[in-house]
Amino acid sequence: MILVLRMNVLDKVLTLRPTSVVARLGTRSRLPALNPRDLLAALEGVPAALPCAPVPVRPMLPGLLAAARSEDAVLGLMCPHPLADRGAAERFMASVQEVAEADGHTRPVFLQAGPVRVPRAEPETLGQLEEGLFRLVDAGFSLVSLDVTRLDAGAAADAVRRLAGPVVERELALEVSLPAGAEGSELDDARDLLEGLRRRGLAVLFLRVSAALLGEEDQDVQFLRSLVELAGQYGVGVTVGEAGRRSARVLPTYVAAGVKKVECTAPFERLALASFPEQVRTSLEQKAEKAGLGAGELLGVMGAQLPALEGTEATRLEALTFTEACEVLAALGASRTGWKSMLFLAERGD
């Protein structure tokens, strides 16, 4: 009887998957890859933030999904550099589908592309990015994140208007980073961006702020709460990006401040880097320094070009990823949100 109930709930939830997701996964897929907008609605009033973890290398996927099942948690999976090459997004989606179906994963997930960097607001640059975003939508992502931290608020709003078409047309979720500005003007810049997006008729789901902006040791909780309050006036939730640089102990602080989504990037990048031989790590660190990136970030770009992890190394990385992910899910209040979300969405679909 319980099995029949679970199957009925899953069947109803599967009807809520975005059309582009179904087109990518196929109608026979049983993976509830959802729009995070629906998951936010399901968890309204629950003291939790949507967790989102990067997948810099494929052997981490089984550990991440196993943790979501163990904790009965909603989980976001992030392809941090989906435009690194023309096949990056498709490889990511194929890996998620293969691992999820092999393990019979039926907890809600959402699939995030990016943050996609918008380095300039020039027409040529935006045209190339617009073509890339069409590919990301077709690849099956339900959330696209745009990094406009190099632009001021006005240019950022114009760029988002130019780029958001494919995402908005498919009714998918859009995230925009806090734009560039002088130190101490972050709230004013956020207001200008949100007001600019509203004037242009653009609805975004998340406003993303880097954890680095909140401080290293002592988090600027008051700023974060003010940002959450400001974004809420525009119907927008706040994402903390690049979280967990030092410890997962800070994560409950974000939940208490009202943050809606947390990208817990650093712990998983560290695990992935540590799984490679020393000579590979050294090479990555040297290349990353020249490129002005972190080694973990570069790994997300070059992962497919590195020797594949196999055997003991892959098994160990999977186990360490599982342990780390369980800790992150618990710290963000995401434990026991999976079935709760499924029930809510199934009932709403009746």
Protein backbone atom coordinates (compact mmCIF):
# COMPACT_ATOMS: atom_id res chain seq x y z
CA MET A 1 0.00 0.00 0.00
CA ILE A 2 2.82 2.39 0.91
CA LEU A 3 4.61 1.53 -2.34
CA VAL A 4 1.44 2.27 -4.34
CA LEU A 5 1.07 5.63 -2.56
CA ARG A 6 4.66 6.56 -3.32
CA MET A 7 4.26 5.60 -6.96
CA ASN A 8 1.06 7.66 -7.26
CA VAL A 9 2.77 10.68 -5.68
CA LEU A 10 5.77 10.32 -7.98
CA ASP A 11 3.54 10.02 -11.06
CA LYS A 12 1.81 13.29 -10.16
CA VAL A 13 5.07 15.10 -9.44
CA LEU A 14 6.58 13.96 -12.73
CA THR A 15 3.86 15.88 -14.58
CA LEU A 16 5.31 19.10 -13.13
CA ARG A 17 8.69 18.72 -14.80
CA PRO A 18 9.51 21.49 -17.29
CA THR A 19 8.90 20.53 -20.89
CA SER A 20 12.55 21.05 -21.79
CA VAL A 21 13.58 18.68 -18.99
CA VAL A 22 11.23 15.96 -20.24
CA ALA A 23 12.50 16.48 -23.77
CA ARG A 24 16.06 15.91 -22.58
CA LEU A 25 15.43 13.01 -20.18
CA GLY A 26 12.73 11.29 -22.21
CA THR A 27 9.19 10.42 -21.18
CA ARG A 28 10.27 7.10 -19.64
CA SER A 29 12.55 8.81 -17.12
CA ARG A 30 11.35 8.69 -13.49
CA LEU A 31 13.71 11.37 -12.19
CA PRO A 32 11.73 14.26 -10.62
CA ALA A 33 13.92 17.05 -12.00
CA LEU A 34 11.85 20.10 -11.11
CA ASN A 35 11.77 23.85 -11.39
CA PRO A 36 13.16 25.27 -8.12
CA ARG A 37 10.21 27.67 -8.12
CA ASP A 38 7.96 24.70 -7.34
CA LEU A 39 10.30 23.50 -4.61
CA LEU A 40 10.32 26.92 -2.97
CA ALA A 41 6.52 26.83 -2.91
CA ALA A 42 6.57 23.35 -1.38
CA LEU A 43 8.93 24.47 1.40
CA GLU A 44 7.30 27.81 2.15
CA GLY A 45 7.56 28.38 5.90
CA VAL A 46 10.04 25.52 6.39
CA PRO A 47 13.34 26.64 8.01
CA ALA A 48 15.51 25.36 5.19
CA ALA A 49 17.43 26.58 2.16
CA LEU A 50 17.62 24.74 -1.14
CA PRO A 51 21.05 23.08 -1.22
CA CYS A 52 23.03 23.19 -4.45
CA ALA A 53 26.30 21.32 -4.97
CA PRO A 54 28.73 21.40 -7.90
CA VAL A 55 29.75 18.28 -9.78
CA PRO A 56 33.31 19.01 -10.94
CA VAL A 57 33.96 15.31 -11.66
CA ARG A 58 31.52 12.48 -12.40
CA PRO A 59 32.43 10.07 -9.52
CA MET A 60 30.92 12.59 -7.08
CA LEU A 61 27.42 12.15 -8.49
CA PRO A 62 26.57 8.80 -6.85
CA GLY A 63 27.66 10.13 -3.45
CA LEU A 64 25.61 13.32 -3.80
CA LEU A 65 22.44 11.51 -4.84
CA ALA A 66 22.91 8.82 -2.19
CA ALA A 67 23.16 11.54 0.46
CA ALA A 68 19.91 13.10 -0.78
CA ARG A 69 18.19 9.72 -0.43
CA SER A 70 19.73 9.06 2.97
CA GLU A 71 18.65 12.48 4.27
CA ASP A 72 15.36 12.44 2.32
CA ALA A 73 16.37 15.82 0.91
CA VAL A 74 15.77 18.08 -2.03
CA LEU A 75 19.06 18.65 -3.84
CA GLY A 76 20.33 20.95 -6.55
CA LEU A 77 23.12 19.78 -8.85
CA MET A 78 25.20 22.50 -10.45
CA CYS A 79 27.15 22.43 -13.71
CA PRO A 80 29.44 25.35 -12.79
CA HIS A 81 30.85 25.98 -16.28
CA PRO A 82 28.24 24.74 -18.75
CA LEU A 83 29.69 26.71 -21.67
CA ALA A 84 33.30 25.55 -21.14
CA ASP A 85 32.94 23.66 -24.41
CA ARG A 86 30.02 22.76 -26.64
CA GLY A 87 29.55 19.36 -25.03
CA ALA A 88 29.88 20.30 -21.36
CA ALA A 89 26.18 20.77 -20.64
CA GLU A 90 25.12 17.64 -22.49
CA ARG A 91 27.77 15.50 -20.75
CA PHE A 92 26.61 16.79 -17.37
CA MET A 93 22.97 16.00 -18.08
CA ALA A 94 23.80 12.55 -19.45
CA SER A 95 25.81 11.74 -16.32
CA VAL A 96 23.03 12.88 -14.00
CA GLN A 97 20.45 10.82 -15.85
CA GLU A 98 22.63 7.72 -16.00
CA VAL A 99 23.55 7.75 -12.30
CA ALA A 100 20.07 8.73 -11.10
CA GLU A 101 18.35 6.01 -13.10
CA ALA A 102 20.92 3.37 -12.15
CA ASP A 103 20.31 4.14 -8.47
CA GLY A 104 16.53 4.57 -8.79
CA HIS A 105 16.68 8.13 -7.49
CA THR A 106 13.19 9.53 -6.90
CA ARG A 107 13.84 12.47 -4.58
CA PRO A 108 13.30 15.96 -6.05
CA VAL A 109 16.28 17.55 -7.75
CA PHE A 110 16.83 20.74 -9.69
CA LEU A 111 19.59 21.20 -12.24
CA GLN A 112 21.47 24.49 -12.39
CA ALA A 113 23.57 25.86 -15.22
CA GLY A 114 26.21 28.31 -14.11
CA PRO A 115 26.81 30.92 -12.84
CA VAL A 116 27.47 31.87 -16.47
CA ARG A 117 29.84 34.82 -16.52
CA VAL A 118 28.78 37.94 -18.42
CA PRO A 119 32.14 39.73 -18.76
CA ARG A 120 30.94 42.65 -20.87
CA ALA A 121 27.69 44.18 -22.08
CA GLU A 122 28.89 44.57 -25.67
CA PRO A 123 26.46 43.29 -28.35
CA GLU A 124 28.95 40.77 -29.73
CA THR A 125 29.60 39.23 -26.29
CA LEU A 126 25.90 39.10 -25.44
CA GLY A 127 25.08 37.57 -28.81
CA GLN A 128 27.50 34.70 -28.19
CA LEU A 129 26.14 34.16 -24.70
CA GLU A 130 22.56 34.24 -25.94
CA GLU A 131 23.33 31.40 -28.32
CA GLY A 132 24.88 29.50 -25.43
CA LEU A 133 21.83 30.00 -23.23
CA PHE A 134 19.59 28.49 -25.90
CA ARG A 135 21.78 25.40 -25.71
CA LEU A 136 21.51 25.30 -21.91
CA VAL A 137 17.73 25.45 -22.03
CA ASP A 138 17.63 22.70 -24.63
CA ALA A 139 20.05 20.66 -22.50
CA GLY A 140 17.38 20.40 -19.78
CA PHE A 141 18.48 22.76 -17.01
CA SER A 142 15.62 24.12 -14.90
CA LEU A 143 17.65 27.04 -13.46
CA VAL A 144 20.09 29.34 -15.25
CA SER A 145 22.36 31.58 -13.19
CA LEU A 146 23.91 34.71 -14.72
CA ASP A 147 27.02 36.23 -13.14
CA VAL A 148 26.89 39.99 -13.83
CA THR A 149 29.34 40.96 -11.09
CA ARG A 150 31.55 42.71 -13.66
CA LEU A 151 28.78 45.10 -14.74
CA ASP A 152 27.13 48.02 -13.01
CA ALA A 153 23.43 47.77 -12.15
CA GLY A 154 22.14 49.48 -15.30
CA ALA A 155 24.33 47.49 -17.69
CA ALA A 156 23.52 44.31 -15.79
CA ALA A 157 19.77 44.84 -16.15
CA ASP A 158 20.16 45.48 -19.89
CA ALA A 159 22.32 42.38 -20.29
CA VAL A 160 19.85 40.20 -18.41
CA ARG A 161 17.01 41.50 -20.60
CA ARG A 162 18.98 40.53 -23.71
CA LEU A 163 19.97 37.09 -22.39
CA ALA A 164 16.90 35.97 -20.46
CA GLY A 165 14.68 35.28 -23.49
CA PRO A 166 15.24 31.51 -23.78
CA VAL A 167 14.82 31.03 -20.03
CA VAL A 168 11.70 33.17 -19.67
CA GLU A 169 10.02 31.70 -22.76
CA ARG A 170 10.26 28.20 -21.27
CA GLU A 171 9.08 29.48 -17.85
CA LEU A 172 12.29 28.27 -16.24
CA ALA A 173 14.01 29.84 -13.24
CA LEU A 174 16.51 32.68 -13.55
CA GLU A 175 19.16 33.78 -11.08
CA VAL A 176 21.20 36.99 -11.27
CA SER A 177 24.29 37.90 -9.25
CA LEU A 178 24.74 41.12 -7.31
CA PRO A 179 26.21 43.65 -9.79
CA ALA A 180 29.51 45.49 -9.47
CA GLY A 181 29.68 48.58 -7.31
CA ALA A 182 31.72 50.46 -4.75
CA GLU A 183 32.37 48.83 -1.39
CA GLY A 184 29.53 49.67 0.98
CA SER A 185 27.03 50.33 -1.82
CA GLU A 186 25.89 46.71 -2.20
CA LEU A 187 22.33 47.27 -1.00
CA ASP A 188 21.89 50.31 -3.23
CA ASP A 189 23.29 48.38 -6.18
CA ALA A 190 20.95 45.47 -5.46
CA ARG A 191 17.98 47.83 -5.32
CA ASP A 192 18.98 49.49 -8.60
CA LEU A 193 19.33 46.08 -10.30
CA LEU A 194 16.02 44.74 -8.99
CA GLU A 195 14.24 47.96 -9.90
CA GLY A 196 15.82 47.89 -13.35
CA LEU A 197 14.71 44.31 -13.90
CA ARG A 198 11.19 45.15 -12.79
CA ARG A 199 10.99 48.10 -15.21
CA ARG A 200 12.09 45.78 -18.00
CA GLY A 201 9.37 43.27 -17.10
CA LEU A 202 11.82 40.57 -15.99
CA ALA A 203 11.03 38.24 -13.09
CA VAL A 204 14.03 36.55 -11.49
CA LEU A 205 13.78 33.86 -8.84
CA PHE A 206 17.09 34.43 -7.05
CA LEU A 207 19.54 37.24 -6.38
CA ARG A 208 22.97 35.70 -5.78
CA VAL A 209 25.60 37.08 -3.43
CA SER A 210 29.03 35.55 -2.92
CA ALA A 211 29.84 34.28 0.57
CA ALA A 212 33.15 36.14 0.27
CA LEU A 213 31.23 39.43 0.40
CA LEU A 214 29.81 38.42 3.78
CA GLY A 215 33.22 38.14 5.43
CA GLU A 216 35.53 35.26 6.24
CA GLU A 217 35.46 34.66 10.00
CA ASP A 218 32.57 36.82 11.25
CA GLN A 219 29.69 36.77 8.78
CA ASP A 220 27.91 40.08 8.15
CA VAL A 221 24.53 38.72 9.15
CA GLN A 222 22.88 42.15 9.31
CA PHE A 223 23.80 42.89 5.69
CA LEU A 224 22.50 39.49 4.64
CA ARG A 225 19.19 40.03 6.44
CA SER A 226 18.85 43.46 4.87
CA LEU A 227 19.51 41.97 1.45
CA VAL A 228 16.92 39.24 2.06
CA GLU A 229 14.37 41.87 3.11
CA LEU A 230 15.11 44.07 0.10
CA ALA A 231 14.92 41.19 -2.39
CA GLY A 232 11.69 40.00 -0.79
CA GLN A 233 10.07 43.32 -1.66
CA TYR A 234 10.54 42.35 -5.30
CA GLY A 235 9.42 38.76 -4.82
CA VAL A 236 13.00 37.50 -5.15
CA GLY A 237 14.86 35.04 -2.94
CA VAL A 238 18.53 35.33 -2.02
CA THR A 239 21.20 32.76 -2.91
CA VAL A 240 24.55 32.59 -1.13
CA GLY A 241 27.16 31.40 -3.60
CA GLU A 242 30.62 29.89 -3.04
CA ALA A 243 29.65 28.92 0.50
CA GLY A 244 31.50 26.61 2.87
CA ARG A 245 34.99 27.98 2.30
CA ARG A 246 36.05 27.31 5.86
CA SER A 247 33.36 25.17 7.48
CA ALA A 248 29.80 23.96 7.10
CA ARG A 249 29.09 25.36 10.57
CA VAL A 250 28.24 28.74 9.05
CA LEU A 251 25.47 27.31 6.85
CA PRO A 252 22.66 27.46 9.46
CA THR A 253 23.36 31.20 9.73
CA TYR A 254 22.21 31.64 6.15
CA VAL A 255 19.01 29.71 6.81
CA ALA A 256 18.26 31.80 9.89
CA ALA A 257 18.75 34.98 7.84
CA GLY A 258 16.08 33.86 5.36
CA VAL A 259 18.30 32.79 2.46
CA LYS A 260 16.41 30.59 -0.02
CA LYS A 261 19.29 28.75 -1.74
CA VAL A 262 22.92 28.00 -0.87
CA GLU A 263 25.59 26.88 -3.31
CA CYS A 264 27.98 24.95 -1.10
CA THR A 265 30.86 24.85 -3.54
CA ALA A 266 34.17 24.86 -1.67
CA PRO A 267 33.97 21.55 0.25
CA PHE A 268 33.20 19.55 -2.87
CA GLU A 269 35.88 21.29 -4.93
CA ARG A 270 38.41 20.44 -2.19
CA LEU A 271 37.38 16.80 -2.22
CA ALA A 272 37.60 16.59 -5.98
CA LEU A 273 41.05 18.19 -6.10
CA ALA A 274 42.39 15.94 -3.36
CA SER A 275 41.39 12.83 -5.31
CA PHE A 276 43.85 13.55 -8.13
CA PRO A 277 47.59 12.74 -8.06
CA GLU A 278 49.88 15.47 -6.79
CA GLN A 279 51.29 16.25 -10.24
CA VAL A 280 47.78 16.86 -11.60
CA ARG A 281 46.91 19.11 -8.66
CA THR A 282 50.13 21.08 -9.08
CA SER A 283 49.44 21.58 -12.78
CA LEU A 284 45.90 22.74 -12.04
CA GLU A 285 47.11 25.18 -9.40
CA GLN A 286 49.69 26.67 -11.76
CA LYS A 287 47.20 27.05 -14.60
CA ALA A 288 44.58 28.47 -12.25
CA GLU A 289 47.00 31.10 -10.96
CA LYS A 290 47.76 32.23 -14.51
CA ALA A 291 44.05 32.35 -15.35
CA GLY A 292 43.14 34.22 -12.16
CA LEU A 293 40.90 31.37 -10.95
CA GLY A 294 40.83 29.03 -7.99
CA ALA A 295 42.13 25.52 -8.64
CA GLY A 296 38.73 24.05 -7.80
CA GLU A 297 37.03 26.39 -10.23
CA LEU A 298 39.45 25.45 -13.00
CA LEU A 299 38.79 21.79 -12.26
CA GLY A 300 35.13 22.43 -13.07
CA VAL A 301 36.22 23.77 -16.45
CA MET A 302 38.81 21.11 -17.29
CA GLY A 303 37.36 18.05 -15.56
CA ALA A 304 36.56 16.23 -18.80
CA GLN A 305 40.13 16.76 -20.06
CA LEU A 306 41.79 15.14 -17.04
CA PRO A 307 42.47 11.42 -16.60
CA ALA A 308 39.26 9.76 -15.38
CA LEU A 309 39.23 8.69 -11.74
CA GLU A 310 38.74 4.95 -11.48
CA GLY A 311 38.87 2.09 -9.01
CA THR A 312 39.88 2.95 -5.46
CA GLU A 313 40.18 6.69 -6.11
CA ALA A 314 36.65 6.94 -7.54
CA THR A 315 35.17 4.80 -4.75
CA ARG A 316 36.89 6.84 -2.06
CA LEU A 317 35.74 10.13 -3.61
CA GLU A 318 32.17 8.85 -3.76
CA ALA A 319 32.26 7.89 -0.07
CA LEU A 320 33.79 11.21 1.03
CA THR A 321 31.28 13.11 -1.08
CA PHE A 322 28.42 11.22 0.56
CA THR A 323 29.66 12.13 4.04
CA GLU A 324 30.22 15.78 3.18
CA ALA A 325 26.85 16.08 1.44
CA CYS A 326 24.97 14.60 4.39
CA GLU A 327 26.56 17.22 6.64
CA VAL A 328 25.69 20.04 4.25
CA LEU A 329 22.08 18.89 3.81
CA ALA A 330 21.56 18.69 7.56
CA ALA A 331 23.17 22.10 8.16
CA LEU A 332 20.85 23.73 5.62
CA GLY A 333 17.73 22.18 7.15
CA ALA A 334 17.16 20.15 4.00
CA SER A 335 16.82 16.78 5.74
CA ARG A 336 13.29 15.37 5.40
CA THR A 337 12.33 17.93 2.74
CA GLY A 338 12.22 15.42 -0.12
CA TRP A 339 9.04 13.49 0.62
CA LYS A 340 7.44 16.59 2.17
CA SER A 341 7.93 18.44 -1.12
CA MET A 342 6.63 15.50 -3.15
CA LEU A 343 3.44 15.30 -1.10
CA PHE A 344 2.79 19.03 -1.36
CA LEU A 345 3.33 19.10 -5.11
CA ALA A 346 1.24 15.97 -5.71
CA GLU A 347 -1.65 17.44 -3.73
CA ARG A 348 -1.37 20.76 -5.55
CA GLY A 349 -1.53 18.91 -8.85
CA ASP A 350 -4.80 17.15 -7.99
